[in-house]
PDB file of N, CA and C in Angstrom:
ATOM      1  N   MET A   1      37.950 -24.480  11.499  1.00  0.00           N
ATOM      2  CA  MET A   1      37.085 -23.178  12.000  1.00  0.00           C
ATOM      3  C   MET A   1      36.122 -22.024  11.206  1.00  0.00           C
ATOM      4  N   ALA A   2      37.200 -22.524   9.835  1.00  0.00           N
ATOM      5  CA  ALA A   2      36.329 -21.464   9.063  1.00  0.00           C
ATOM      6  C   ALA A   2      34.983 -21.760   8.406  1.00  0.00           C
ATOM      7  N   ALA A   3      35.039 -22.895   8.595  1.00  0.00           N
ATOM      8  CA  ALA A   3      33.285 -23.537   8.071  1.00  0.00           C
ATOM      9  C   ALA A   3      32.366 -23.567   8.840  1.00  0.00           C
ATOM     10  N   ARG A   4      32.913 -23.155  10.469  1.00  0.00           N
ATOM     11  CA  ARG A   4      31.937 -22.648  11.701  1.00  0.00           C
ATOM     12  C   ARG A   4      31.950 -21.613  11.352  1.00  0.00           C
ATOM     13  N   LYS A   5      32.860 -20.537  10.957  1.00  0.00           N
ATOM     14  CA  LYS A   5      32.119 -19.435  10.809  1.00  0.00           C
ATOM     15  C   LYS A   5      31.001 -18.967   9.647  1.00  0.00           C
ATOM     16  N   LYS A   6      31.400 -19.807   8.673  1.00  0.00           N
ATOM     17  CA  LYS A   6      31.139 -19.628   7.313  1.00  0.00           C
ATOM     18  C   LYS A   6      29.240 -19.909   7.565  1.00  0.00           C
ATOM     19  N   SER A   7      29.345 -21.164   8.533  1.00  0.00           N
ATOM     20  CA  SER A   7      27.617 -21.606   8.632  1.00  0.00           C
ATOM     21  C   SER A   7      27.223 -20.639   9.241  1.00  0.00           C
ATOM     22  N   LYS A   8      27.917 -19.922  10.696  1.00  0.00           N
ATOM     23  CA  LYS A   8      27.064 -18.834  11.317  1.00  0.00           C
ATOM     24  C   LYS A   8      26.479 -18.000  10.835  1.00  0.00           C
ATOM     25  N   LYS A   9      27.421 -17.261   9.590  1.00  0.00           N
ATOM     26  CA  LYS A   9      26.915 -16.412   8.825  1.00  0.00           C
ATOM     27  C   LYS A   9      26.061 -16.732   8.094  1.00  0.00           C
ATOM     28  N   LYS A  10      25.176 -17.919   7.133  1.00  0.00           N
ATOM     29  CA  LYS A  10      24.940 -18.077   6.445  1.00  0.00           C
ATOM     30  C   LYS A  10      23.094 -18.506   7.786  1.00  0.00           C
ATOM     31  N   ALA A  11      23.468 -18.570   8.711  1.00  0.00           N
ATOM     32  CA  ALA A  11      22.249 -18.792   9.362  1.00  0.00           C
ATOM     33  C   ALA A  11      21.839 -17.236  10.135  1.00  0.00           C
ATOM     34  N   LYS A  12      22.916 -16.103  10.599  1.00  0.00           N
ATOM     35  CA  LYS A  12      22.416 -14.973  10.568  1.00  0.00           C
ATOM     36  C   LYS A  12      21.628 -15.098   9.935  1.00  0.00           C
ATOM     37  N   ALA A  13      22.071 -15.137   8.011  1.00  0.00           N
ATOM     38  CA  ALA A  13      21.762 -14.100   6.853  1.00  0.00           C
ATOM     39  C   ALA A  13      20.538 -14.852   6.856  1.00  0.00           C
ATOM     40  N   ARG A  14      20.394 -16.307   6.981  1.00  0.00           N
ATOM     41  CA  ARG A  14      18.873 -16.754   7.341  1.00  0.00           C
ATOM     42  C   ARG A  14      18.046 -15.937   8.408  1.00  0.00           C
ATOM     43  N   ALA A  15      18.354 -15.970   9.508  1.00  0.00           N
ATOM     44  CA  ALA A  15      17.403 -15.093  10.672  1.00  0.00           C
ATOM     45  C   ALA A  15      17.103 -13.680   9.917  1.00  0.00           C
ATOM     46  N   LYS A  16      18.008 -13.075   9.857  1.00  0.00           N
ATOM     47  CA  LYS A  16      17.603 -12.097   8.898  1.00  0.00           C
ATOM     48  C   LYS A  16      16.448 -11.452   7.467  1.00  0.00           C
ATOM     49  N   THR A  17      16.165 -12.678   7.015  1.00  0.00           N
ATOM     50  CA  THR A  17      15.452 -12.412   5.951  1.00  0.00           C
ATOM     51  C   THR A  17      14.110 -13.368   6.295  1.00  0.00           C
ATOM     52  N   SER A  18      14.129 -14.253   7.491  1.00  0.00           N
ATOM     53  CA  SER A  18      12.908 -15.262   8.240  1.00  0.00           C
ATOM     54  C   SER A  18      12.017 -13.223   8.854  1.00  0.00           C
ATOM     55  N   ARG A  19      12.543 -12.376   9.664  1.00  0.00           N
ATOM     56  CA  ARG A  19      12.042 -11.583   9.904  1.00  0.00           C
ATOM     57  C   ARG A  19      11.727 -10.439   9.516  1.00  0.00           C
ATOM     58  N   ARG A  20      11.758 -10.318   8.153  1.00  0.00           N
ATOM     59  CA  ARG A  20      11.180  -9.515   7.211  1.00  0.00           C
ATOM     60  C   ARG A  20       9.504 -10.086   6.581  1.00  0.00           C
ATOM     61  N   LYS A  21       9.239  -8.699   6.732  1.00  0.00           N
ATOM     62  CA  LYS A  21       7.207  -9.133   6.717  1.00  0.00           C
ATOM     63  C   LYS A  21       7.840  -9.863   5.285  1.00  0.00           C
ATOM     64  N   PRO A  22       6.489 -10.648   4.881  1.00  0.00           N
ATOM     65  CA  PRO A  22       6.724 -11.170   3.878  1.00  0.00           C
ATOM     66  C   PRO A  22       5.838 -10.885   2.757  1.00  0.00           C
ATOM     67  N   PRO A  23       5.711 -10.829   1.492  1.00  0.00           N
ATOM     68  CA  PRO A  23       5.333  -9.563   0.282  1.00  0.00           C
ATOM     69  C   PRO A  23       4.046 -10.332   0.222  1.00  0.00           C
ATOM     70  N   HIS A  24       3.099  -9.163   0.001  1.00  0.00           N
ATOM     71  CA  HIS A  24       1.826  -9.683  -0.007  1.00  0.00           C
ATOM     72  C   HIS A  24       1.273 -10.865  -1.167  1.00  0.00           C
ATOM     73  N   GLU A  25       0.395 -10.972  -1.378  1.00  0.00           N
ATOM     74  CA  GLU A  25      -0.485 -12.197  -2.173  1.00  0.00           C
ATOM     75  C   GLU A  25      -0.691 -11.119  -3.636  1.00  0.00           C
ATOM     76  N   MET A  26      -0.325 -11.429  -5.099  1.00  0.00           N
ATOM     77  CA  MET A  26      -0.705 -10.915  -5.925  1.00  0.00           C
ATOM     78  C   MET A  26      -2.257 -10.827  -5.915  1.00  0.00           C
ATOM     79  N   LEU A  27      -2.918  -9.441  -6.204  1.00  0.00           N
ATOM     80  CA  LEU A  27      -4.840  -9.744  -5.802  1.00  0.00           C
ATOM     81  C   LEU A  27      -4.720  -9.369  -7.300  1.00  0.00           C
ATOM     82  N   CYS A  28      -3.817  -8.716  -8.261  1.00  0.00           N
ATOM     83  CA  CYS A  28      -4.061  -8.081  -9.401  1.00  0.00           C
ATOM     84  C   CYS A  28      -4.143  -9.746 -10.378  1.00  0.00           C
ATOM     85  N   VAL A  29      -4.782  -9.623 -11.656  1.00  0.00           N
ATOM     86  CA  VAL A  29      -4.220 -10.891 -12.898  1.00  0.00           C
ATOM     87  C   VAL A  29      -3.493  -9.440 -13.756  1.00  0.00           C
ATOM     88  N   GLY A  30      -2.294 -10.310 -13.875  1.00  0.00           N
ATOM     89  CA  GLY A  30      -1.426  -9.224 -14.044  1.00  0.00           C
ATOM     90  C   GLY A  30      -1.759  -9.006 -16.232  1.00  0.00           C
ATOM     91  N   SER A  31      -1.888 -10.499 -16.846  1.00  0.00           N
ATOM     92  CA  SER A  31      -2.642 -10.528 -18.612  1.00  0.00           C
ATOM     93  C   SER A  31      -3.635  -9.386 -18.250  1.00  0.00           C
ATOM     94  N   LYS A  32      -4.254  -9.957 -17.369  1.00  0.00           N
ATOM     95  CA  LYS A  32      -5.504  -8.977 -17.772  1.00  0.00           C
ATOM     96  C   LYS A  32      -5.510  -7.386 -17.176  1.00  0.00           C
ATOM     97  N   VAL A  33      -4.878  -6.698 -16.495  1.00  0.00           N
ATOM     98  CA  VAL A  33      -4.286  -5.733 -16.304  1.00  0.00           C
ATOM     99  C   VAL A  33      -3.316  -5.302 -17.588  1.00  0.00           C
ATOM    100  N   LYS A  34      -2.499  -5.764 -18.429  1.00  0.00           N
ATOM    101  CA  LYS A  34      -1.640  -5.339 -19.539  1.00  0.00           C
ATOM    102  C   LYS A  34      -2.525  -5.224 -20.317  1.00  0.00           C
ATOM    103  N   ALA A  35      -3.521  -6.663 -20.824  1.00  0.00           N
ATOM    104  CA  ALA A  35      -4.034  -6.268 -22.386  1.00  0.00           C
ATOM    105  C   ALA A  35      -4.972  -5.079 -22.236  1.00  0.00           C
ATOM    106  N   TYR A  36      -6.559  -5.120 -20.721  1.00  0.00           N
ATOM    107  CA  TYR A  36      -7.157  -3.352 -20.667  1.00  0.00           C
ATOM    108  C   TYR A  36      -5.817  -2.310 -21.314  1.00  0.00           C
ATOM    109  N   ILE A  37      -4.619  -2.593 -20.413  1.00  0.00           N
ATOM    110  CA  ILE A  37      -4.064  -1.074 -21.224  1.00  0.00           C
ATOM    111  C   ILE A  37      -3.541  -1.068 -22.130  1.00  0.00           C
ATOM    112  N   LYS A  38      -3.246  -2.105 -22.609  1.00  0.00           N
ATOM    113  CA  LYS A  38      -2.457  -2.008 -24.468  1.00  0.00           C
ATOM    114  C   LYS A  38      -4.126  -1.996 -25.260  1.00  0.00           C
ATOM    115  N   ALA A  39      -5.264  -2.357 -24.801  1.00  0.00           N
ATOM    116  CA  ALA A  39      -6.211  -2.063 -25.534  1.00  0.00           C
ATOM    117  C   ALA A  39      -6.765  -0.801 -25.515  1.00  0.00           C
ATOM    118  N   ASN A  40      -6.170   0.301 -24.648  1.00  0.00           N
ATOM    119  CA  ASN A  40      -6.138   1.388 -24.714  1.00  0.00           C
ATOM    120  C   ASN A  40      -5.282   2.521 -25.331  1.00  0.00           C
ATOM    121  N   GLY A  41      -4.613   1.465 -25.384  1.00  0.00           N
ATOM    122  CA  GLY A  41      -3.583   1.937 -26.589  1.00  0.00           C
ATOM    123  C   GLY A  41      -1.719   2.562 -25.832  1.00  0.00           C
ATOM    124  N   MET A  42      -1.774   2.183 -24.876  1.00  0.00           N
ATOM    125  CA  MET A  42      -0.465   2.059 -24.016  1.00  0.00           C
ATOM    126  C   MET A  42       0.313   0.944 -23.876  1.00  0.00           C
ATOM    127  N   LYS A  43       1.288   1.539 -23.309  1.00  0.00           N
ATOM    128  CA  LYS A  43       1.706   0.067 -22.375  1.00  0.00           C
ATOM    129  C   LYS A  43       2.043   0.232 -21.274  1.00  0.00           C
ATOM    130  N   CYS A  44       2.266  -0.737 -20.705  1.00  0.00           N
ATOM    131  CA  CYS A  44       2.850  -1.495 -19.228  1.00  0.00           C
ATOM    132  C   CYS A  44       4.360  -1.619 -18.593  1.00  0.00           C
ATOM    133  N   SER A  45       4.323  -1.019 -18.264  1.00  0.00           N
ATOM    134  CA  SER A  45       5.363  -0.750 -16.901  1.00  0.00           C
ATOM    135  C   SER A  45       5.649  -2.131 -16.243  1.00  0.00           C
ATOM    136  N   GLY A  46       6.365  -2.837 -16.187  1.00  0.00           N
ATOM    137  CA  GLY A  46       6.816  -4.156 -15.319  1.00  0.00           C
ATOM    138  C   GLY A  46       6.391  -4.668 -14.331  1.00  0.00           C
ATOM    139  N   ASP A  47       6.887  -2.861 -13.603  1.00  0.00           N
ATOM    140  CA  ASP A  47       6.220  -3.031 -12.292  1.00  0.00           C
ATOM    141  C   ASP A  47       5.493  -2.582 -11.666  1.00  0.00           C
ATOM    142  N   LEU A  48       4.400  -2.175 -12.471  1.00  0.00           N
ATOM    143  CA  LEU A  48       2.900  -1.804 -12.523  1.00  0.00           C
ATOM    144  C   LEU A  48       2.006  -2.956 -11.747  1.00  0.00           C
ATOM    145  N   VAL A  49       1.922  -3.640 -11.806  1.00  0.00           N
ATOM    146  CA  VAL A  49       1.121  -4.945 -11.589  1.00  0.00           C
ATOM    147  C   VAL A  49       1.094  -5.363  -9.994  1.00  0.00           C
ATOM    148  N   GLN A  50       2.553  -5.505  -9.625  1.00  0.00           N
ATOM    149  CA  GLN A  50       3.023  -5.378  -8.192  1.00  0.00           C
ATOM    150  C   GLN A  50       2.506  -4.188  -7.669  1.00  0.00           C
ATOM    151  N   ALA A  51       2.527  -2.893  -7.988  1.00  0.00           N
ATOM    152  CA  ALA A  51       2.368  -1.597  -7.526  1.00  0.00           C
ATOM    153  C   ALA A  51       0.743  -1.604  -7.604  1.00  0.00           C
ATOM    154  N   LEU A  52      -0.049  -1.995  -8.343  1.00  0.00           N
ATOM    155  CA  LEU A  52      -1.102  -2.134  -8.236  1.00  0.00           C
ATOM    156  C   LEU A  52      -1.821  -2.765  -7.402  1.00  0.00           C
ATOM    157  N   SER A  53      -1.437  -4.174  -7.499  1.00  0.00           N
ATOM    158  CA  SER A  53      -1.874  -4.988  -6.364  1.00  0.00           C
ATOM    159  C   SER A  53      -1.402  -4.395  -4.411  1.00  0.00           C
ATOM    160  N   GLU A  54       0.017  -3.307  -4.450  1.00  0.00           N
ATOM    161  CA  GLU A  54       0.068  -3.220  -3.286  1.00  0.00           C
ATOM    162  C   GLU A  54      -1.304  -2.126  -2.838  1.00  0.00           C
ATOM    163  N   GLU A  55      -1.464  -1.306  -3.923  1.00  0.00           N
ATOM    164  CA  GLU A  55      -2.655   0.168  -3.719  1.00  0.00           C
ATOM    165  C   GLU A  55      -3.815  -0.584  -3.599  1.00  0.00           C
ATOM    166  N   MET A  56      -4.437  -1.983  -4.212  1.00  0.00           N
ATOM    167  CA  MET A  56      -5.501  -3.145  -3.838  1.00  0.00           C
ATOM    168  C   MET A  56      -5.078  -3.027  -2.164  1.00  0.00           C
ATOM    169  N   HIS A  57      -4.500  -3.822  -1.704  1.00  0.00           N
ATOM    170  CA  HIS A  57      -3.863  -4.575  -0.339  1.00  0.00           C
ATOM    171  C   HIS A  57      -4.535  -3.173   0.235  1.00  0.00           C
ATOM    172  N   SER A  58      -3.862  -1.805   0.439  1.00  0.00           N
ATOM    173  CA  SER A  58      -4.393  -0.557   0.994  1.00  0.00           C
ATOM    174  C   SER A  58      -5.426  -0.422   0.876  1.00  0.00           C
ATOM    175  N   THR A  59      -6.070  -0.319  -0.377  1.00  0.00           N
ATOM    176  CA  THR A  59      -7.636   0.180  -0.374  1.00  0.00           C
ATOM    177  C   THR A  59      -8.665  -0.727   0.569  1.00  0.00           C
ATOM    178  N   LEU A  60      -8.136  -1.847   0.939  1.00  0.00           N
ATOM    179  CA  LEU A  60      -9.056  -3.339   1.098  1.00  0.00           C
ATOM    180  C   LEU A  60      -8.528  -2.986   2.540  1.00  0.00           C
ATOM    181  N   ASP A  61      -7.376  -2.759   3.350  1.00  0.00           N
ATOM    182  CA  ASP A  61      -6.856  -2.667   4.350  1.00  0.00           C
ATOM    183  C   ASP A  61      -8.364  -1.195   5.472  1.00  0.00           C
ATOM    184  N   ALA A  62      -7.824  -0.611   4.898  1.00  0.00           N
ATOM    185  CA  ALA A  62      -9.287   0.948   4.770  1.00  0.00           C
ATOM    186  C   ALA A  62     -10.224   0.523   4.792  1.00  0.00           C
ATOM    187  N   ALA A  63     -10.679  -0.307   4.013  1.00  0.00           N
ATOM    188  CA  ALA A  63     -11.852  -0.952   4.220  1.00  0.00           C
ATOM    189  C   ALA A  63     -13.010  -1.803   5.233  1.00  0.00           C
ATOM    190  N   ILE A  64     -11.193  -2.552   5.790  1.00  0.00           N
ATOM    191  CA  ILE A  64     -11.566  -3.312   6.958  1.00  0.00           C
ATOM    192  C   ILE A  64     -11.899  -2.821   7.888  1.00  0.00           C
ATOM    193  N   GLN A  65     -10.892  -1.511   7.768  1.00  0.00           N
ATOM    194  CA  GLN A  65     -10.780  -1.191   9.281  1.00  0.00           C
ATOM    195  C   GLN A  65     -11.706  -0.140   9.427  1.00  0.00           C
ATOM    196  N   ARG A  66     -12.751   0.519   8.409  1.00  0.00           N
ATOM    197  CA  ARG A  66     -13.905   1.092   8.035  1.00  0.00           C
ATOM    198  C   ARG A  66     -15.305   0.102   8.595  1.00  0.00           C
ATOM    199  N   CYS A  67     -14.891  -0.741   8.146  1.00  0.00           N
ATOM    200  CA  CYS A  67     -16.213  -2.011   8.157  1.00  0.00           C
ATOM    201  C   CYS A  67     -15.879  -2.091  10.163  1.00  0.00           C
ATOM    202  N   GLY A  68     -14.918  -2.876  10.486  1.00  0.00           N
ATOM    203  CA  GLY A  68     -15.033  -2.979  12.027  1.00  0.00           C
ATOM    204  C   GLY A  68     -15.432  -1.959  13.044  1.00  0.00           C
ATOM    205  N   GLY A  69     -14.428  -0.834  12.464  1.00  0.00           N
ATOM    206  CA  GLY A  69     -15.005   0.576  13.098  1.00  0.00           C
ATOM    207  C   GLY A  69     -17.073   0.696  13.203  1.00  0.00           C
ATOM    208  N   ASN A  70     -17.577   0.062  12.461  1.00  0.00           N
ATOM    209  CA  ASN A  70     -19.174   0.458  11.958  1.00  0.00           C
ATOM    210  C   ASN A  70     -19.312  -1.076  12.575  1.00  0.00           C
ATOM    211  N   LYS A  71     -18.676  -2.095  13.039  1.00  0.00           N
ATOM    212  CA  LYS A  71     -19.261  -3.026  13.971  1.00  0.00           C
ATOM    213  C   LYS A  71     -20.121  -3.852  13.230  1.00  0.00           C
ATOM    214  N   ARG A  72     -19.877  -3.975  12.030  1.00  0.00           N
ATOM    215  CA  ARG A  72     -19.739  -5.050  11.546  1.00  0.00           C
ATOM    216  C   ARG A  72     -19.184  -5.856  10.532  1.00  0.00           C
ATOM    217  N   ALA A  73     -19.471  -7.239   9.745  1.00  0.00           N
ATOM    218  CA  ALA A  73     -18.445  -8.248   9.768  1.00  0.00           C
ATOM    219  C   ALA A  73     -18.290  -8.263   8.098  1.00  0.00           C
ATOM    220  N   THR A  74     -19.092  -7.682   7.499  1.00  0.00           N
ATOM    221  CA  THR A  74     -19.754  -7.908   6.036  1.00  0.00           C
ATOM    222  C   THR A  74     -18.688  -6.036   5.342  1.00  0.00           C
ATOM    223  N   VAL A  75     -18.002  -6.423   4.415  1.00  0.00           N
ATOM    224  CA  VAL A  75     -16.935  -5.253   3.637  1.00  0.00           C
ATOM    225  C   VAL A  75     -18.128  -5.054   2.836  1.00  0.00           C
ATOM    226  N   ARG A  76     -18.459  -4.007   2.682  1.00  0.00           N
ATOM    227  CA  ARG A  76     -19.296  -3.331   1.734  1.00  0.00           C
ATOM    228  C   ARG A  76     -18.589  -2.376   0.188  1.00  0.00           C
ATOM    229  N   PRO A  77     -19.370  -2.405  -0.486  1.00  0.00           N
ATOM    230  CA  PRO A  77     -18.783  -1.065  -1.767  1.00  0.00           C
ATOM    231  C   PRO A  77     -18.681   0.062  -0.834  1.00  0.00           C
ATOM    232  N   VAL A  78     -19.467   0.466  -0.553  1.00  0.00           N
ATOM    233  CA  VAL A  78     -19.757   1.402   0.893  1.00  0.00           C
ATOM    234  C   VAL A  78     -18.464   2.112   1.380  1.00  0.00           C
ATOM    235  N   ASP A  79     -17.709   0.697   1.961  1.00  0.00           N
ATOM    236  CA  ASP A  79     -16.442   0.696   2.938  1.00  0.00           C
ATOM    237  C   ASP A  79     -15.156   1.163   1.820  1.00  0.00           C
ATOM    238  N   LEU A  80     -15.263   1.085   0.624  1.00  0.00           N
ATOM    239  CA  LEU A  80     -14.168   1.695   0.095  1.00  0.00           C
ATOM    240  C   LEU A  80     -14.287   3.241  -0.226  1.00  0.00           C
TER     241      LEU A  80
END
């Protein structure tokens, strides 16, 4: 019986993780971002690249919404 309880708990844990929204795909090249910051005499936090990528996703989502609102299928720089 103990084995059944453990397997049910594992199944529930897997079900919970599968319901979560998957993380966004990385849009930034981490080495390029870090090199740019270092070239300007600064240091880079370990989680900066992920935060920058999330910010890019938000900006692009807003641009896509604006483009769709203008009844266009091409996202332009003006949408940013």
